[in-house]
Amino acid sequence: MGQGYLLSSPDDGQSVLLEAVRRVDAAMCKVRDAGKVKTRDRIAVLASLNLAVEMAELALQLRQTQANLQAALATVAPTAANTPSQEATMAQWADISRRLDEVLAKPQEPE
């Protein structure tokens, strides 16, 4: 909304930070342009809530996708005699699933 801030990020995180800035700015401009809220702090709160709802919806979609992948793997993987490559693939999927659960379980910290 035309306001500048000095931010820092790790060298490898600059593109992620710039995308986050773009999203926050767009969300705040959308609230401002709706015309019902005028003060910057209220615009920021409403934009934050809108972004949080969007993140929660994405988290639910990821969980559903994870459940669908696990169900698909259960039907595809033979239960009687797994080959070493199938066992490695199943272990990789289990690791991905575990890491996804960890990421989704972490609370988002406000900045």
N, C-alpha and C. Protein backbone atom coordinates (compact mmCIF):
# COMPACT_ATOMS: atom_id res chain seq x y z
N MET A 1 0.82 -1.18 0.00
CA MET A 1 0.00 0.00 0.00
C MET A 1 0.87 1.26 0.00
N GLY A 2 2.00 1.16 -0.68
CA GLY A 2 2.87 2.31 -0.82
C GLY A 2 3.77 2.56 0.36
N GLN A 3 3.81 1.65 1.31
CA GLN A 3 4.64 1.81 2.50
C GLN A 3 5.90 0.97 2.32
N GLY A 4 7.06 1.54 2.62
CA GLY A 4 8.30 0.81 2.48
C GLY A 4 8.80 0.30 3.82
N TYR A 5 9.41 -0.85 3.81
CA TYR A 5 9.98 -1.45 5.01
C TYR A 5 11.33 -2.05 4.65
N LEU A 6 12.25 -2.00 5.60
CA LEU A 6 13.55 -2.63 5.42
C LEU A 6 13.46 -4.02 6.04
N LEU A 7 13.60 -5.04 5.22
CA LEU A 7 13.48 -6.43 5.67
C LEU A 7 14.76 -7.16 5.37
N SER A 8 15.02 -8.20 6.13
CA SER A 8 16.18 -9.04 5.85
C SER A 8 15.73 -10.49 5.74
N SER A 9 16.51 -11.24 4.98
CA SER A 9 16.22 -12.66 4.82
C SER A 9 17.51 -13.37 4.47
N PRO A 10 17.55 -14.67 4.67
CA PRO A 10 18.72 -15.42 4.20
C PRO A 10 18.83 -15.28 2.69
N ASP A 11 20.04 -15.42 2.17
CA ASP A 11 20.25 -15.27 0.73
C ASP A 11 19.33 -16.17 -0.07
N ASP A 12 19.12 -17.38 0.39
CA ASP A 12 18.29 -18.32 -0.35
C ASP A 12 16.80 -18.11 -0.09
N GLY A 13 16.43 -17.17 0.78
CA GLY A 13 15.03 -16.95 1.09
C GLY A 13 14.46 -15.67 0.52
N GLN A 14 15.25 -14.95 -0.26
CA GLN A 14 14.80 -13.66 -0.77
C GLN A 14 13.57 -13.79 -1.68
N SER A 15 13.57 -14.77 -2.55
CA SER A 15 12.43 -14.91 -3.47
C SER A 15 11.15 -15.25 -2.70
N VAL A 16 11.27 -16.04 -1.64
CA VAL A 16 10.10 -16.38 -0.83
C VAL A 16 9.60 -15.14 -0.09
N LEU A 17 10.53 -14.35 0.44
CA LEU A 17 10.15 -13.13 1.14
C LEU A 17 9.47 -12.15 0.19
N LEU A 18 10.00 -12.00 -1.00
CA LEU A 18 9.40 -11.08 -1.98
C LEU A 18 7.99 -11.54 -2.38
N GLU A 19 7.81 -12.83 -2.50
CA GLU A 19 6.47 -13.36 -2.81
C GLU A 19 5.51 -13.09 -1.65
N ALA A 20 5.99 -13.27 -0.42
CA ALA A 20 5.16 -12.99 0.75
C ALA A 20 4.78 -11.51 0.80
N VAL A 21 5.73 -10.64 0.51
CA VAL A 21 5.45 -9.19 0.48
C VAL A 21 4.39 -8.89 -0.57
N ARG A 22 4.53 -9.49 -1.73
CA ARG A 22 3.56 -9.27 -2.80
C ARG A 22 2.16 -9.71 -2.37
N ARG A 23 2.08 -10.87 -1.72
CA ARG A 23 0.78 -11.39 -1.29
C ARG A 23 0.15 -10.51 -0.22
N VAL A 24 0.95 -10.07 0.76
CA VAL A 24 0.42 -9.22 1.82
C VAL A 24 -0.04 -7.89 1.23
N ASP A 25 0.76 -7.30 0.36
CA ASP A 25 0.39 -6.03 -0.25
C ASP A 25 -0.91 -6.19 -1.04
N ALA A 26 -1.03 -7.25 -1.81
CA ALA A 26 -2.24 -7.47 -2.60
C ALA A 26 -3.45 -7.66 -1.69
N ALA A 27 -3.28 -8.41 -0.61
CA ALA A 27 -4.39 -8.64 0.31
C ALA A 27 -4.82 -7.34 0.98
N MET A 28 -3.85 -6.52 1.37
CA MET A 28 -4.18 -5.24 2.01
C MET A 28 -4.86 -4.29 1.03
N CYS A 29 -4.37 -4.24 -0.19
CA CYS A 29 -4.98 -3.37 -1.21
C CYS A 29 -6.41 -3.81 -1.50
N LYS A 30 -6.65 -5.11 -1.51
CA LYS A 30 -7.99 -5.62 -1.77
C LYS A 30 -8.96 -5.18 -0.67
N VAL A 31 -8.52 -5.26 0.59
CA VAL A 31 -9.36 -4.82 1.70
C VAL A 31 -9.58 -3.31 1.61
N ARG A 32 -8.51 -2.56 1.36
CA ARG A 32 -8.62 -1.10 1.25
C ARG A 32 -9.57 -0.71 0.12
N ASP A 33 -9.42 -1.37 -1.03
CA ASP A 33 -10.22 -1.02 -2.20
C ASP A 33 -11.70 -1.39 -2.04
N ALA A 34 -11.99 -2.30 -1.12
CA ALA A 34 -13.39 -2.63 -0.85
C ALA A 34 -14.10 -1.43 -0.22
N GLY A 35 -13.32 -0.53 0.38
CA GLY A 35 -13.85 0.74 0.84
C GLY A 35 -14.51 0.77 2.20
N LYS A 36 -14.60 -0.37 2.87
CA LYS A 36 -15.30 -0.38 4.16
C LYS A 36 -14.38 -0.08 5.33
N VAL A 37 -13.08 -0.28 5.15
CA VAL A 37 -12.11 -0.08 6.23
C VAL A 37 -11.10 0.96 5.78
N LYS A 38 -10.81 1.91 6.64
CA LYS A 38 -9.94 3.01 6.25
C LYS A 38 -8.59 3.01 6.98
N THR A 39 -8.54 2.55 8.22
CA THR A 39 -7.28 2.65 8.97
C THR A 39 -6.36 1.49 8.60
N ARG A 40 -5.07 1.84 8.54
CA ARG A 40 -4.06 0.87 8.12
C ARG A 40 -4.00 -0.35 9.02
N ASP A 41 -4.14 -0.15 10.34
CA ASP A 41 -4.05 -1.30 11.24
C ASP A 41 -5.22 -2.26 11.06
N ARG A 42 -6.39 -1.75 10.83
CA ARG A 42 -7.56 -2.62 10.60
C ARG A 42 -7.45 -3.32 9.25
N ILE A 43 -6.95 -2.60 8.27
CA ILE A 43 -6.72 -3.23 6.96
C ILE A 43 -5.74 -4.38 7.10
N ALA A 44 -4.66 -4.15 7.87
CA ALA A 44 -3.65 -5.20 8.07
C ALA A 44 -4.24 -6.41 8.78
N VAL A 45 -5.07 -6.18 9.79
CA VAL A 45 -5.69 -7.29 10.52
C VAL A 45 -6.61 -8.10 9.60
N LEU A 46 -7.46 -7.41 8.85
CA LEU A 46 -8.37 -8.13 7.95
C LEU A 46 -7.61 -8.87 6.85
N ALA A 47 -6.58 -8.23 6.31
CA ALA A 47 -5.77 -8.90 5.28
C ALA A 47 -5.09 -10.13 5.87
N SER A 48 -4.59 -10.02 7.10
CA SER A 48 -3.94 -11.17 7.76
C SER A 48 -4.92 -12.31 7.96
N LEU A 49 -6.13 -11.98 8.38
CA LEU A 49 -7.15 -13.02 8.55
C LEU A 49 -7.49 -13.68 7.22
N ASN A 50 -7.62 -12.89 6.17
CA ASN A 50 -7.89 -13.45 4.85
C ASN A 50 -6.78 -14.39 4.41
N LEU A 51 -5.53 -13.99 4.64
CA LEU A 51 -4.39 -14.84 4.27
C LEU A 51 -4.36 -16.11 5.13
N ALA A 52 -4.70 -15.98 6.41
CA ALA A 52 -4.71 -17.15 7.29
C ALA A 52 -5.78 -18.15 6.85
N VAL A 53 -6.94 -17.66 6.45
CA VAL A 53 -7.99 -18.55 5.94
C VAL A 53 -7.51 -19.26 4.68
N GLU A 54 -6.85 -18.50 3.80
CA GLU A 54 -6.31 -19.10 2.57
C GLU A 54 -5.30 -20.20 2.90
N MET A 55 -4.41 -19.95 3.88
CA MET A 55 -3.43 -20.96 4.27
C MET A 55 -4.11 -22.18 4.88
N ALA A 56 -5.15 -21.97 5.69
CA ALA A 56 -5.85 -23.09 6.30
C ALA A 56 -6.53 -23.95 5.23
N GLU A 57 -7.11 -23.29 4.22
CA GLU A 57 -7.73 -24.04 3.12
C GLU A 57 -6.69 -24.86 2.37
N LEU A 58 -5.52 -24.27 2.13
CA LEU A 58 -4.45 -25.00 1.46
C LEU A 58 -3.97 -26.18 2.30
N ALA A 59 -3.88 -25.98 3.61
CA ALA A 59 -3.46 -27.07 4.50
C ALA A 59 -4.46 -28.22 4.45
N LEU A 60 -5.74 -27.90 4.43
CA LEU A 60 -6.77 -28.94 4.32
C LEU A 60 -6.65 -29.69 2.99
N GLN A 61 -6.40 -28.94 1.91
CA GLN A 61 -6.23 -29.57 0.60
C GLN A 61 -5.01 -30.49 0.60
N LEU A 62 -3.92 -30.06 1.24
CA LEU A 62 -2.72 -30.89 1.31
C LEU A 62 -2.98 -32.17 2.10
N ARG A 63 -3.70 -32.02 3.20
CA ARG A 63 -4.03 -33.22 4.00
C ARG A 63 -4.89 -34.19 3.19
N GLN A 64 -5.86 -33.66 2.44
CA GLN A 64 -6.71 -34.52 1.62
C GLN A 64 -5.89 -35.20 0.53
N THR A 65 -5.00 -34.44 -0.09
CA THR A 65 -4.12 -35.02 -1.12
C THR A 65 -3.24 -36.10 -0.52
N GLN A 66 -2.72 -35.85 0.68
CA GLN A 66 -1.90 -36.84 1.36
C GLN A 66 -2.70 -38.11 1.63
N ALA A 67 -3.93 -37.95 2.11
CA ALA A 67 -4.78 -39.12 2.38
C ALA A 67 -5.07 -39.87 1.09
N ASN A 68 -5.32 -39.14 0.00
CA ASN A 68 -5.57 -39.79 -1.29
C ASN A 68 -4.34 -40.54 -1.78
N LEU A 69 -3.16 -39.95 -1.62
CA LEU A 69 -1.92 -40.63 -2.03
C LEU A 69 -1.68 -41.89 -1.20
N GLN A 70 -1.93 -41.79 0.10
CA GLN A 70 -1.74 -42.96 0.95
C GLN A 70 -2.72 -44.07 0.57
N ALA A 71 -3.94 -43.69 0.27
CA ALA A 71 -4.94 -44.69 -0.14
C ALA A 71 -4.54 -45.31 -1.48
N ALA A 72 -4.07 -44.48 -2.40
CA ALA A 72 -3.64 -45.00 -3.71
C ALA A 72 -2.45 -45.93 -3.54
N LEU A 73 -1.50 -45.57 -2.70
CA LEU A 73 -0.34 -46.44 -2.47
C LEU A 73 -0.76 -47.76 -1.85
N ALA A 74 -1.72 -47.71 -0.97
CA ALA A 74 -2.17 -48.94 -0.32
C ALA A 74 -2.82 -49.89 -1.32
N THR A 75 -3.49 -49.36 -2.34
CA THR A 75 -4.12 -50.22 -3.32
C THR A 75 -3.15 -50.69 -4.39
N VAL A 76 -2.10 -49.89 -4.65
CA VAL A 76 -1.15 -50.22 -5.70
C VAL A 76 -0.08 -51.18 -5.21
N ALA A 77 0.39 -50.97 -4.00
CA ALA A 77 1.49 -51.79 -3.48
C ALA A 77 0.99 -53.18 -3.12
N PRO A 78 1.60 -54.19 -3.71
CA PRO A 78 1.20 -55.56 -3.34
C PRO A 78 1.60 -55.85 -1.89
N THR A 79 0.72 -56.52 -1.18
CA THR A 79 0.99 -56.79 0.23
C THR A 79 1.76 -58.09 0.44
N ALA A 80 1.69 -59.00 -0.50
CA ALA A 80 2.31 -60.31 -0.28
C ALA A 80 3.83 -60.26 -0.41
N ALA A 81 4.34 -59.79 -1.52
CA ALA A 81 5.79 -59.83 -1.75
C ALA A 81 6.24 -58.52 -2.37
N ASN A 82 6.75 -57.62 -1.55
CA ASN A 82 7.28 -56.36 -2.06
C ASN A 82 8.72 -56.56 -2.53
N THR A 83 9.03 -56.00 -3.67
CA THR A 83 10.41 -56.03 -4.15
C THR A 83 11.19 -54.95 -3.42
N PRO A 84 12.54 -55.03 -3.43
CA PRO A 84 13.33 -53.99 -2.75
C PRO A 84 13.02 -52.58 -3.25
N SER A 85 12.79 -52.41 -4.56
CA SER A 85 12.51 -51.07 -5.07
C SER A 85 11.14 -50.57 -4.59
N GLN A 86 10.19 -51.49 -4.49
CA GLN A 86 8.88 -51.09 -3.98
C GLN A 86 8.97 -50.70 -2.51
N GLU A 87 9.75 -51.44 -1.75
CA GLU A 87 9.92 -51.12 -0.34
C GLU A 87 10.60 -49.77 -0.17
N ALA A 88 11.58 -49.47 -1.01
CA ALA A 88 12.26 -48.17 -0.95
C ALA A 88 11.28 -47.05 -1.29
N THR A 89 10.46 -47.28 -2.29
CA THR A 89 9.46 -46.27 -2.67
C THR A 89 8.47 -46.05 -1.55
N MET A 90 8.01 -47.12 -0.94
CA MET A 90 7.07 -46.99 0.18
C MET A 90 7.72 -46.25 1.34
N ALA A 91 9.00 -46.50 1.60
CA ALA A 91 9.70 -45.80 2.68
C ALA A 91 9.83 -44.32 2.36
N GLN A 92 10.09 -44.00 1.09
CA GLN A 92 10.18 -42.59 0.70
C GLN A 92 8.84 -41.90 0.88
N TRP A 93 7.75 -42.56 0.48
CA TRP A 93 6.43 -41.96 0.64
C TRP A 93 6.09 -41.79 2.12
N ALA A 94 6.47 -42.75 2.92
CA ALA A 94 6.22 -42.64 4.36
C ALA A 94 7.00 -41.47 4.95
N ASP A 95 8.24 -41.27 4.49
CA ASP A 95 9.04 -40.14 4.96
C ASP A 95 8.43 -38.82 4.52
N ILE A 96 8.00 -38.74 3.27
CA ILE A 96 7.35 -37.53 2.76
C ILE A 96 6.08 -37.24 3.57
N SER A 97 5.32 -38.26 3.83
CA SER A 97 4.09 -38.11 4.60
C SER A 97 4.39 -37.60 6.01
N ARG A 98 5.42 -38.16 6.64
CA ARG A 98 5.80 -37.75 7.99
C ARG A 98 6.23 -36.29 8.00
N ARG A 99 7.06 -35.89 7.01
CA ARG A 99 7.53 -34.51 6.96
C ARG A 99 6.39 -33.54 6.68
N LEU A 100 5.45 -33.94 5.83
CA LEU A 100 4.28 -33.10 5.55
C LEU A 100 3.46 -32.91 6.82
N ASP A 101 3.27 -33.98 7.58
CA ASP A 101 2.55 -33.87 8.85
C ASP A 101 3.24 -32.89 9.79
N GLU A 102 4.58 -32.94 9.85
CA GLU A 102 5.33 -32.04 10.73
C GLU A 102 5.14 -30.59 10.31
N VAL A 103 5.21 -30.31 9.01
CA VAL A 103 5.05 -28.94 8.52
C VAL A 103 3.65 -28.43 8.80
N LEU A 104 2.65 -29.26 8.54
CA LEU A 104 1.27 -28.84 8.74
C LEU A 104 0.94 -28.68 10.22
N ALA A 105 1.65 -29.36 11.10
CA ALA A 105 1.36 -29.28 12.52
C ALA A 105 2.02 -28.05 13.16
N LYS A 106 3.01 -27.45 12.52
CA LYS A 106 3.68 -26.29 13.09
C LYS A 106 2.77 -25.08 13.07
N PRO A 107 2.62 -24.40 14.21
CA PRO A 107 1.83 -23.17 14.20
C PRO A 107 2.58 -22.07 13.45
N GLN A 108 1.86 -21.26 12.73
CA GLN A 108 2.47 -20.15 12.00
C GLN A 108 2.69 -19.01 12.97
N GLU A 109 3.92 -18.50 13.04
CA GLU A 109 4.24 -17.40 13.93
C GLU A 109 4.00 -16.08 13.22
N PRO A 110 3.31 -15.15 13.89
CA PRO A 110 3.13 -13.83 13.28
C PRO A 110 4.45 -13.09 13.23
N GLU A 111 4.61 -12.26 12.22
CA GLU A 111 5.86 -11.51 12.07
C GLU A 111 5.72 -10.14 12.66
